């Protein structure tokens, strides 16, 4: 009888917008709760999620976010933001404020706290070497819990057999 392999899931976080941070965090937390091994690889702008200087300042820009509806952000009615309005001064701050308020009302932890919960639960966090080099960052620029800076090839080797989700 063949030994059953543990279930594994790996997320590749490539975007640092607030609305792109939560999918991996929520799914990673759910996976840990179901006994699934979780690895998260942060690359390009996704490294903002683990960058000490950026993690508490992620935003939700309405420009090019054509699916953004203000009712989803807590504004009554079903109002879409016309793309040209997203460029107005203050719109990113406004949308970010609404998202923070909505998440707070739902008792969803901020990104930094969520990442710490994941690490405490056993998730493994890694930064992409190419992106780190490209952006002139070092390991000490990242929040506690980031295990290492690894190449894409290293990430593929360490997540062999995992379901990989690109965000």
N, C-alpha and C. Protein backbone atom coordinates (compact mmCIF):
# COMPACT_ATOMS: atom_id res chain seq x y z
N UNK A 1 0.85 -1.18 0.00
CA UNK A 1 0.00 0.00 0.00
C UNK A 1 0.89 1.24 0.00
N UNK A 2 0.69 2.12 -0.97
CA UNK A 2 1.49 3.33 -1.09
C UNK A 2 1.13 4.32 0.01
N UNK A 3 2.17 4.96 0.53
CA UNK A 3 1.96 5.97 1.56
C UNK A 3 1.34 7.21 0.93
N UNK A 4 0.27 7.69 1.53
CA UNK A 4 -0.41 8.88 1.01
C UNK A 4 0.43 10.12 1.28
N UNK A 5 0.63 10.93 0.24
CA UNK A 5 1.41 12.17 0.37
C UNK A 5 0.54 13.25 1.01
N UNK A 6 1.16 14.13 1.82
CA UNK A 6 0.38 15.23 2.40
C UNK A 6 -0.09 16.19 1.30
N UNK A 7 -1.26 16.77 1.52
CA UNK A 7 -1.75 17.77 0.56
C UNK A 7 -0.94 19.03 0.71
N UNK A 8 -0.62 19.67 -0.42
CA UNK A 8 0.18 20.89 -0.42
C UNK A 8 -0.43 21.89 -1.39
N UNK A 9 -0.35 23.16 -1.00
CA UNK A 9 -0.79 24.23 -1.88
C UNK A 9 0.25 25.34 -1.82
N UNK A 10 0.49 25.97 -2.95
CA UNK A 10 1.46 27.06 -3.02
C UNK A 10 0.82 28.23 -3.75
N UNK A 11 1.00 29.40 -3.18
CA UNK A 11 0.48 30.62 -3.79
C UNK A 11 1.65 31.46 -4.28
N UNK A 12 1.49 32.04 -5.45
CA UNK A 12 2.45 32.99 -5.98
C UNK A 12 1.76 34.35 -5.95
N UNK A 13 2.23 35.24 -5.10
CA UNK A 13 1.64 36.58 -4.97
C UNK A 13 2.48 37.56 -5.78
N UNK A 14 1.90 38.10 -6.85
CA UNK A 14 2.64 38.98 -7.75
C UNK A 14 2.15 40.42 -7.73
N UNK A 15 1.11 40.69 -6.94
CA UNK A 15 0.55 42.04 -6.93
C UNK A 15 0.47 42.55 -5.49
N UNK A 16 0.74 43.83 -5.30
CA UNK A 16 0.77 44.40 -3.97
C UNK A 16 -0.42 45.28 -3.63
N UNK A 17 -1.47 45.23 -4.43
CA UNK A 17 -2.67 45.99 -4.10
C UNK A 17 -3.41 45.31 -2.96
N UNK A 18 -4.10 46.09 -2.17
CA UNK A 18 -4.82 45.57 -1.02
C UNK A 18 -5.82 44.48 -1.42
N UNK A 19 -6.54 44.70 -2.51
CA UNK A 19 -7.53 43.70 -2.93
C UNK A 19 -6.88 42.43 -3.48
N UNK A 20 -5.60 42.49 -3.83
CA UNK A 20 -4.91 41.31 -4.33
C UNK A 20 -4.14 40.60 -3.22
N UNK A 21 -4.04 41.21 -2.06
CA UNK A 21 -3.35 40.59 -0.93
C UNK A 21 -4.22 39.52 -0.27
N UNK A 22 -5.48 39.81 -0.12
CA UNK A 22 -6.34 38.94 0.68
C UNK A 22 -6.64 37.55 0.09
N UNK A 23 -6.73 37.37 -1.22
CA UNK A 23 -7.05 36.02 -1.71
C UNK A 23 -6.09 34.93 -1.20
N UNK A 24 -4.79 35.17 -1.27
CA UNK A 24 -3.83 34.16 -0.81
C UNK A 24 -3.90 34.00 0.71
N UNK A 25 -4.12 35.11 1.42
CA UNK A 25 -4.19 35.03 2.88
C UNK A 25 -5.40 34.21 3.33
N UNK A 26 -6.54 34.51 2.76
CA UNK A 26 -7.77 33.81 3.13
C UNK A 26 -7.70 32.33 2.74
N UNK A 27 -7.28 32.07 1.50
CA UNK A 27 -7.19 30.66 1.06
C UNK A 27 -6.10 29.91 1.80
N UNK A 28 -4.98 30.59 2.10
CA UNK A 28 -3.91 29.95 2.85
C UNK A 28 -4.37 29.57 4.25
N UNK A 29 -5.09 30.47 4.90
CA UNK A 29 -5.61 30.20 6.24
C UNK A 29 -6.60 29.03 6.21
N UNK A 30 -7.47 29.03 5.21
CA UNK A 30 -8.43 27.92 5.07
C UNK A 30 -7.70 26.61 4.84
N UNK A 31 -6.65 26.64 4.02
CA UNK A 31 -5.87 25.42 3.75
C UNK A 31 -5.21 24.90 5.03
N UNK A 32 -4.59 25.79 5.80
CA UNK A 32 -3.98 25.37 7.05
C UNK A 32 -5.01 24.73 7.97
N UNK A 33 -6.20 25.32 8.02
CA UNK A 33 -7.28 24.77 8.85
C UNK A 33 -7.74 23.40 8.40
N UNK A 34 -7.45 23.05 7.15
CA UNK A 34 -7.81 21.74 6.62
C UNK A 34 -6.60 20.80 6.57
N UNK A 35 -5.53 21.17 7.26
CA UNK A 35 -4.36 20.32 7.34
C UNK A 35 -3.51 20.29 6.08
N UNK A 36 -3.65 21.29 5.24
CA UNK A 36 -2.90 21.35 3.99
C UNK A 36 -1.64 22.20 4.20
N UNK A 37 -0.52 21.72 3.71
CA UNK A 37 0.76 22.44 3.79
C UNK A 37 0.70 23.67 2.88
N UNK A 38 1.09 24.84 3.41
CA UNK A 38 0.97 26.09 2.66
C UNK A 38 2.34 26.75 2.48
N UNK A 39 2.64 27.12 1.24
CA UNK A 39 3.84 27.89 0.91
C UNK A 39 3.39 29.09 0.08
N UNK A 40 3.95 30.26 0.39
CA UNK A 40 3.62 31.46 -0.36
C UNK A 40 4.91 32.10 -0.87
N UNK A 41 4.93 32.38 -2.17
CA UNK A 41 6.08 32.96 -2.86
C UNK A 41 5.69 34.36 -3.32
N UNK A 42 6.43 35.36 -2.87
CA UNK A 42 6.12 36.75 -3.19
C UNK A 42 7.09 37.24 -4.26
N UNK A 43 6.56 37.75 -5.35
CA UNK A 43 7.38 38.22 -6.45
C UNK A 43 6.86 39.55 -6.97
N UNK A 44 7.73 40.28 -7.65
CA UNK A 44 7.41 41.60 -8.18
C UNK A 44 6.69 42.44 -7.12
N UNK A 45 5.55 43.05 -7.46
CA UNK A 45 4.89 43.97 -6.52
C UNK A 45 4.24 43.22 -5.37
N UNK A 46 4.08 41.94 -5.48
CA UNK A 46 3.56 41.13 -4.38
C UNK A 46 4.46 41.20 -3.15
N UNK A 47 5.73 41.55 -3.38
CA UNK A 47 6.64 41.68 -2.23
C UNK A 47 6.27 42.85 -1.33
N UNK A 48 5.42 43.77 -1.80
CA UNK A 48 4.93 44.83 -0.91
C UNK A 48 4.21 44.22 0.29
N UNK A 49 3.62 43.05 0.12
CA UNK A 49 2.90 42.40 1.21
C UNK A 49 3.82 41.99 2.35
N UNK A 50 5.09 41.75 2.06
CA UNK A 50 6.03 41.30 3.09
C UNK A 50 7.11 42.33 3.39
N UNK A 51 7.08 43.45 2.69
CA UNK A 51 8.06 44.51 2.89
C UNK A 51 7.65 45.33 4.12
N UNK A 52 8.52 45.39 5.12
CA UNK A 52 8.23 46.11 6.37
C UNK A 52 7.74 47.54 6.11
N UNK A 53 8.31 48.19 5.10
CA UNK A 53 7.95 49.58 4.82
C UNK A 53 6.64 49.72 4.07
N UNK A 54 6.13 48.65 3.48
CA UNK A 54 4.92 48.75 2.64
C UNK A 54 3.71 47.99 3.19
N UNK A 55 3.92 46.95 3.97
CA UNK A 55 2.83 46.04 4.35
C UNK A 55 1.63 46.76 4.99
N UNK A 56 1.88 47.81 5.73
CA UNK A 56 0.78 48.53 6.39
C UNK A 56 0.23 49.67 5.54
N UNK A 57 0.70 49.78 4.30
CA UNK A 57 0.30 50.89 3.43
C UNK A 57 -0.19 50.42 2.07
N UNK A 58 -0.69 49.19 1.98
CA UNK A 58 -1.21 48.69 0.71
C UNK A 58 -2.48 49.46 0.37
N UNK A 59 -2.69 49.70 -0.92
CA UNK A 59 -3.84 50.50 -1.36
C UNK A 59 -4.67 49.72 -2.37
N UNK A 60 -5.83 50.24 -2.66
CA UNK A 60 -6.70 49.66 -3.68
C UNK A 60 -6.99 50.75 -4.71
N UNK A 61 -6.18 50.81 -5.75
CA UNK A 61 -6.37 51.85 -6.76
C UNK A 61 -7.56 51.55 -7.67
N UNK A 62 -8.48 52.49 -7.83
CA UNK A 62 -9.63 52.25 -8.70
C UNK A 62 -9.29 52.33 -10.19
N UNK A 63 -8.17 52.92 -10.57
CA UNK A 63 -7.78 53.00 -11.97
C UNK A 63 -7.49 51.59 -12.48
N UNK A 64 -8.08 51.25 -13.61
CA UNK A 64 -7.92 49.94 -14.26
C UNK A 64 -8.55 48.81 -13.45
N UNK A 65 -9.34 49.13 -12.45
CA UNK A 65 -10.05 48.13 -11.66
C UNK A 65 -11.52 48.24 -12.06
N UNK A 66 -11.81 47.82 -13.29
CA UNK A 66 -13.12 48.05 -13.87
C UNK A 66 -14.24 47.28 -13.17
N UNK A 67 -13.91 46.30 -12.37
CA UNK A 67 -14.93 45.54 -11.65
C UNK A 67 -15.30 46.17 -10.32
N UNK A 68 -14.59 47.20 -9.92
CA UNK A 68 -14.83 47.79 -8.61
C UNK A 68 -16.21 48.44 -8.57
N UNK A 69 -16.99 48.01 -7.63
CA UNK A 69 -18.31 48.57 -7.39
C UNK A 69 -18.33 49.14 -5.98
N UNK A 70 -18.79 50.35 -5.83
CA UNK A 70 -18.75 51.00 -4.54
C UNK A 70 -19.66 50.33 -3.51
N UNK A 71 -20.73 49.65 -3.94
CA UNK A 71 -21.58 48.97 -2.97
C UNK A 71 -20.81 47.84 -2.30
N UNK A 72 -19.88 47.24 -3.01
CA UNK A 72 -19.07 46.19 -2.41
C UNK A 72 -18.13 46.77 -1.36
N UNK A 73 -17.88 48.05 -1.45
CA UNK A 73 -16.99 48.73 -0.52
C UNK A 73 -17.77 49.41 0.60
N UNK A 74 -19.08 49.23 0.64
CA UNK A 74 -19.86 49.80 1.73
C UNK A 74 -20.66 51.03 1.39
N UNK A 75 -20.57 51.52 0.17
CA UNK A 75 -21.36 52.68 -0.25
C UNK A 75 -22.69 52.16 -0.77
N UNK A 76 -23.82 52.67 -0.27
CA UNK A 76 -25.13 52.16 -0.69
C UNK A 76 -25.35 52.30 -2.20
N UNK A 77 -26.13 51.39 -2.74
CA UNK A 77 -26.45 51.41 -4.17
C UNK A 77 -25.43 50.60 -4.96
N UNK A 78 -25.69 50.45 -6.22
CA UNK A 78 -24.80 49.67 -7.10
C UNK A 78 -24.12 50.63 -8.05
N UNK A 79 -23.07 51.25 -7.55
CA UNK A 79 -22.40 52.30 -8.31
C UNK A 79 -21.03 51.81 -8.74
N UNK A 80 -20.80 51.79 -10.03
CA UNK A 80 -19.46 51.51 -10.53
C UNK A 80 -18.69 52.81 -10.62
N UNK A 81 -17.40 52.73 -10.52
CA UNK A 81 -16.59 53.93 -10.65
C UNK A 81 -16.16 54.04 -12.11
N UNK A 82 -16.60 55.08 -12.81
CA UNK A 82 -16.10 55.27 -14.17
C UNK A 82 -14.57 55.39 -14.14
N UNK A 83 -13.91 54.77 -15.09
CA UNK A 83 -12.46 54.72 -15.07
C UNK A 83 -11.80 56.09 -14.98
N UNK A 84 -12.34 57.09 -15.64
CA UNK A 84 -11.71 58.40 -15.59
C UNK A 84 -11.71 58.97 -14.17
N UNK A 85 -12.71 58.61 -13.36
CA UNK A 85 -12.80 59.13 -11.99
C UNK A 85 -11.73 58.54 -11.09
N UNK A 86 -11.26 57.35 -11.43
CA UNK A 86 -10.23 56.72 -10.62
C UNK A 86 -8.93 57.52 -10.59
N UNK A 87 -8.73 58.35 -11.59
CA UNK A 87 -7.51 59.16 -11.67
C UNK A 87 -7.61 60.45 -10.86
N UNK A 88 -8.79 60.78 -10.39
CA UNK A 88 -8.94 62.01 -9.62
C UNK A 88 -8.13 61.91 -8.32
N UNK A 89 -7.55 63.02 -7.90
CA UNK A 89 -6.81 63.01 -6.64
C UNK A 89 -7.70 62.56 -5.48
N UNK A 90 -7.15 61.69 -4.67
CA UNK A 90 -7.87 61.21 -3.49
C UNK A 90 -8.70 59.96 -3.70
N UNK A 91 -8.91 59.53 -4.94
CA UNK A 91 -9.76 58.35 -5.17
C UNK A 91 -9.13 57.06 -4.63
N UNK A 92 -7.81 56.92 -4.77
CA UNK A 92 -7.16 55.72 -4.23
C UNK A 92 -7.27 55.71 -2.72
N UNK A 93 -7.03 56.85 -2.08
CA UNK A 93 -7.16 56.94 -0.62
C UNK A 93 -8.59 56.64 -0.18
N UNK A 94 -9.56 57.16 -0.93
CA UNK A 94 -10.97 56.94 -0.62
C UNK A 94 -11.32 55.45 -0.72
N UNK A 95 -10.95 54.83 -1.82
CA UNK A 95 -11.25 53.41 -2.02
C UNK A 95 -10.54 52.56 -0.97
N UNK A 96 -9.30 52.91 -0.65
CA UNK A 96 -8.54 52.17 0.36
C UNK A 96 -9.21 52.29 1.72
N UNK A 97 -9.63 53.50 2.07
CA UNK A 97 -10.32 53.71 3.34
C UNK A 97 -11.59 52.87 3.42
N UNK A 98 -12.37 52.86 2.35
CA UNK A 98 -13.60 52.07 2.35
C UNK A 98 -13.31 50.57 2.51
N UNK A 99 -12.27 50.09 1.85
CA UNK A 99 -11.93 48.67 1.96
C UNK A 99 -11.47 48.34 3.38
N UNK A 100 -10.63 49.19 3.96
CA UNK A 100 -10.18 48.97 5.34
C UNK A 100 -11.38 48.93 6.29
N UNK A 101 -12.30 49.85 6.10
CA UNK A 101 -13.49 49.91 6.97
C UNK A 101 -14.33 48.64 6.81
N UNK A 102 -14.54 48.21 5.58
CA UNK A 102 -15.33 47.01 5.32
C UNK A 102 -14.66 45.79 5.96
N UNK A 103 -13.36 45.66 5.80
CA UNK A 103 -12.63 44.53 6.37
C UNK A 103 -12.68 44.58 7.90
N UNK A 104 -12.54 45.76 8.47
CA UNK A 104 -12.62 45.92 9.91
C UNK A 104 -14.01 45.52 10.43
N UNK A 105 -15.05 45.96 9.73
CA UNK A 105 -16.42 45.61 10.12
C UNK A 105 -16.64 44.09 10.09
N UNK A 106 -15.98 43.43 9.16
CA UNK A 106 -16.09 41.97 9.03
C UNK A 106 -15.11 41.24 9.95
N UNK A 107 -14.33 42.01 10.70
CA UNK A 107 -13.34 41.47 11.63
C UNK A 107 -12.24 40.67 10.91
N UNK A 108 -11.89 41.13 9.70
CA UNK A 108 -10.80 40.52 8.94
C UNK A 108 -9.52 41.20 9.39
N UNK A 109 -8.51 40.41 9.77
CA UNK A 109 -7.26 41.02 10.25
C UNK A 109 -6.55 41.81 9.15
N UNK A 110 -5.79 42.84 9.55
CA UNK A 110 -4.96 43.54 8.57
C UNK A 110 -3.92 42.58 7.98
N UNK A 111 -3.34 42.94 6.85
CA UNK A 111 -2.42 42.06 6.13
C UNK A 111 -1.27 41.59 7.02
N UNK A 112 -0.63 42.50 7.74
CA UNK A 112 0.51 42.11 8.60
C UNK A 112 0.09 41.04 9.62
N UNK A 113 -1.04 41.27 10.26
CA UNK A 113 -1.53 40.32 11.27
C UNK A 113 -1.90 38.98 10.62
N UNK A 114 -2.52 39.04 9.46
CA UNK A 114 -2.90 37.81 8.75
C UNK A 114 -1.66 36.99 8.40
N UNK A 115 -0.61 37.68 7.92
CA UNK A 115 0.63 36.98 7.59
C UNK A 115 1.22 36.32 8.83
N UNK A 116 1.18 37.01 9.97
CA UNK A 116 1.70 36.44 11.21
C UNK A 116 0.89 35.22 11.62
N UNK A 117 -0.43 35.29 11.46
CA UNK A 117 -1.28 34.13 11.76
C UNK A 117 -0.88 32.94 10.89
N UNK A 118 -0.63 33.21 9.61
CA UNK A 118 -0.24 32.14 8.70
C UNK A 118 1.09 31.52 9.12
N UNK A 119 2.06 32.36 9.44
CA UNK A 119 3.37 31.87 9.88
C UNK A 119 3.21 31.05 11.16
N UNK A 120 2.45 31.59 12.12
CA UNK A 120 2.22 30.88 13.38
C UNK A 120 1.53 29.54 13.15
N UNK A 121 0.71 29.47 12.09
CA UNK A 121 0.01 28.24 11.76
C UNK A 121 0.84 27.25 10.95
N UNK A 122 2.05 27.66 10.54
CA UNK A 122 2.94 26.75 9.83
C UNK A 122 3.17 27.05 8.37
N UNK A 123 2.58 28.11 7.85
CA UNK A 123 2.82 28.47 6.44
C UNK A 123 4.26 28.93 6.27
N UNK A 124 4.80 28.66 5.09
CA UNK A 124 6.16 29.06 4.77
C UNK A 124 6.11 30.20 3.76
N UNK A 125 6.82 31.30 4.07
CA UNK A 125 6.84 32.48 3.22
C UNK A 125 8.23 32.65 2.61
N UNK A 126 8.27 32.94 1.31
CA UNK A 126 9.53 33.14 0.60
C UNK A 126 9.44 34.34 -0.33
N UNK A 127 10.56 35.05 -0.48
CA UNK A 127 10.66 36.16 -1.43
C UNK A 127 11.43 35.69 -2.66
N UNK A 128 11.06 36.23 -3.80
CA UNK A 128 11.69 35.89 -5.09
C UNK A 128 13.04 36.58 -5.24
N UNK A 129 14.08 35.80 -5.46
CA UNK A 129 15.43 36.35 -5.58
C UNK A 129 15.55 37.36 -6.71
N UNK A 130 15.03 37.03 -7.88
CA UNK A 130 15.15 37.95 -9.00
C UNK A 130 14.51 39.30 -8.68
N UNK A 131 13.30 39.27 -8.09
CA UNK A 131 12.60 40.51 -7.75
C UNK A 131 13.33 41.27 -6.65
N UNK A 132 13.85 40.55 -5.67
CA UNK A 132 14.62 41.18 -4.58
C UNK A 132 15.84 41.89 -5.16
N UNK A 133 16.56 41.21 -6.04
CA UNK A 133 17.74 41.81 -6.67
C UNK A 133 17.36 43.01 -7.52
N UNK A 134 16.29 42.86 -8.29
CA UNK A 134 15.84 43.92 -9.18
C UNK A 134 15.47 45.18 -8.39
N UNK A 135 14.87 45.00 -7.21
CA UNK A 135 14.39 46.13 -6.42
C UNK A 135 15.39 46.58 -5.36
N UNK A 136 16.56 45.93 -5.32
CA UNK A 136 17.59 46.32 -4.36
C UNK A 136 17.21 46.09 -2.91
N UNK A 137 16.47 45.02 -2.65
CA UNK A 137 16.03 44.71 -1.29
C UNK A 137 16.94 43.66 -0.65
N UNK A 138 16.80 43.51 0.67
CA UNK A 138 17.55 42.50 1.42
C UNK A 138 16.57 41.79 2.37
N UNK A 139 16.99 40.66 2.92
CA UNK A 139 16.12 39.89 3.80
C UNK A 139 15.62 40.73 4.98
N UNK A 140 16.47 41.62 5.48
CA UNK A 140 16.06 42.44 6.63
C UNK A 140 14.99 43.48 6.27
N UNK A 141 14.70 43.65 4.98
CA UNK A 141 13.62 44.54 4.56
C UNK A 141 12.24 43.89 4.74
N UNK A 142 12.23 42.58 5.00
CA UNK A 142 10.98 41.84 5.07
C UNK A 142 10.53 41.60 6.50
N UNK A 143 9.23 41.40 6.65
CA UNK A 143 8.64 41.13 7.96
C UNK A 143 9.20 39.82 8.52
N UNK A 144 9.10 39.67 9.83
CA UNK A 144 9.48 38.41 10.45
C UNK A 144 8.58 37.31 9.90
N UNK A 145 9.15 36.16 9.69
CA UNK A 145 8.37 35.04 9.18
C UNK A 145 8.74 34.68 7.75
N UNK A 146 9.36 35.62 7.02
CA UNK A 146 9.84 35.29 5.68
C UNK A 146 11.07 34.42 5.89
N UNK A 147 10.99 33.18 5.43
CA UNK A 147 12.05 32.23 5.72
C UNK A 147 13.32 32.49 4.93
N UNK A 148 13.17 32.87 3.66
CA UNK A 148 14.35 33.03 2.85
C UNK A 148 14.02 33.74 1.54
N UNK A 149 15.06 34.08 0.81
CA UNK A 149 14.96 34.61 -0.55
C UNK A 149 15.40 33.47 -1.45
N UNK A 150 14.52 33.05 -2.36
CA UNK A 150 14.81 31.87 -3.18
C UNK A 150 14.55 32.16 -4.65
N UNK A 151 15.17 31.37 -5.50
CA UNK A 151 14.94 31.50 -6.94
C UNK A 151 13.61 30.83 -7.30
N UNK A 152 13.12 31.14 -8.49
CA UNK A 152 11.89 30.50 -8.96
C UNK A 152 12.10 28.98 -9.05
N UNK A 153 13.29 28.57 -9.48
CA UNK A 153 13.59 27.14 -9.55
C UNK A 153 13.56 26.47 -8.19
N UNK A 154 14.11 27.15 -7.17
CA UNK A 154 14.06 26.62 -5.80
C UNK A 154 12.61 26.46 -5.34
N UNK A 155 11.81 27.48 -5.65
CA UNK A 155 10.39 27.43 -5.27
C UNK A 155 9.70 26.24 -5.92
N UNK A 156 9.98 26.01 -7.19
CA UNK A 156 9.38 24.86 -7.88
C UNK A 156 9.81 23.55 -7.24
N UNK A 157 11.08 23.44 -6.88
CA UNK A 157 11.56 22.22 -6.23
C UNK A 157 10.89 22.00 -4.88
N UNK A 158 10.79 23.07 -4.08
CA UNK A 158 10.25 22.90 -2.73
C UNK A 158 8.72 22.72 -2.72
N UNK A 159 8.07 23.02 -3.83
CA UNK A 159 6.61 22.85 -3.88
C UNK A 159 6.21 21.71 -4.82
N UNK A 160 7.14 20.81 -5.08
CA UNK A 160 6.86 19.67 -5.94
C UNK A 160 5.61 18.92 -5.44
N UNK A 161 4.67 18.71 -6.31
CA UNK A 161 3.44 18.01 -5.97
C UNK A 161 2.34 18.91 -5.40
N UNK A 162 2.65 20.19 -5.22
CA UNK A 162 1.65 21.11 -4.66
C UNK A 162 0.74 21.65 -5.77
N UNK A 163 -0.46 21.99 -5.39
CA UNK A 163 -1.33 22.74 -6.27
C UNK A 163 -0.82 24.18 -6.22
N UNK A 164 -0.57 24.79 -7.38
CA UNK A 164 -0.01 26.15 -7.42
C UNK A 164 -1.08 27.12 -7.92
N UNK A 165 -1.26 28.20 -7.16
CA UNK A 165 -2.23 29.22 -7.51
C UNK A 165 -1.50 30.54 -7.68
N UNK A 166 -1.64 31.15 -8.86
CA UNK A 166 -0.98 32.42 -9.17
C UNK A 166 -1.97 33.56 -8.97
N UNK A 167 -1.58 34.51 -8.12
CA UNK A 167 -2.45 35.65 -7.83
C UNK A 167 -1.74 36.93 -8.22
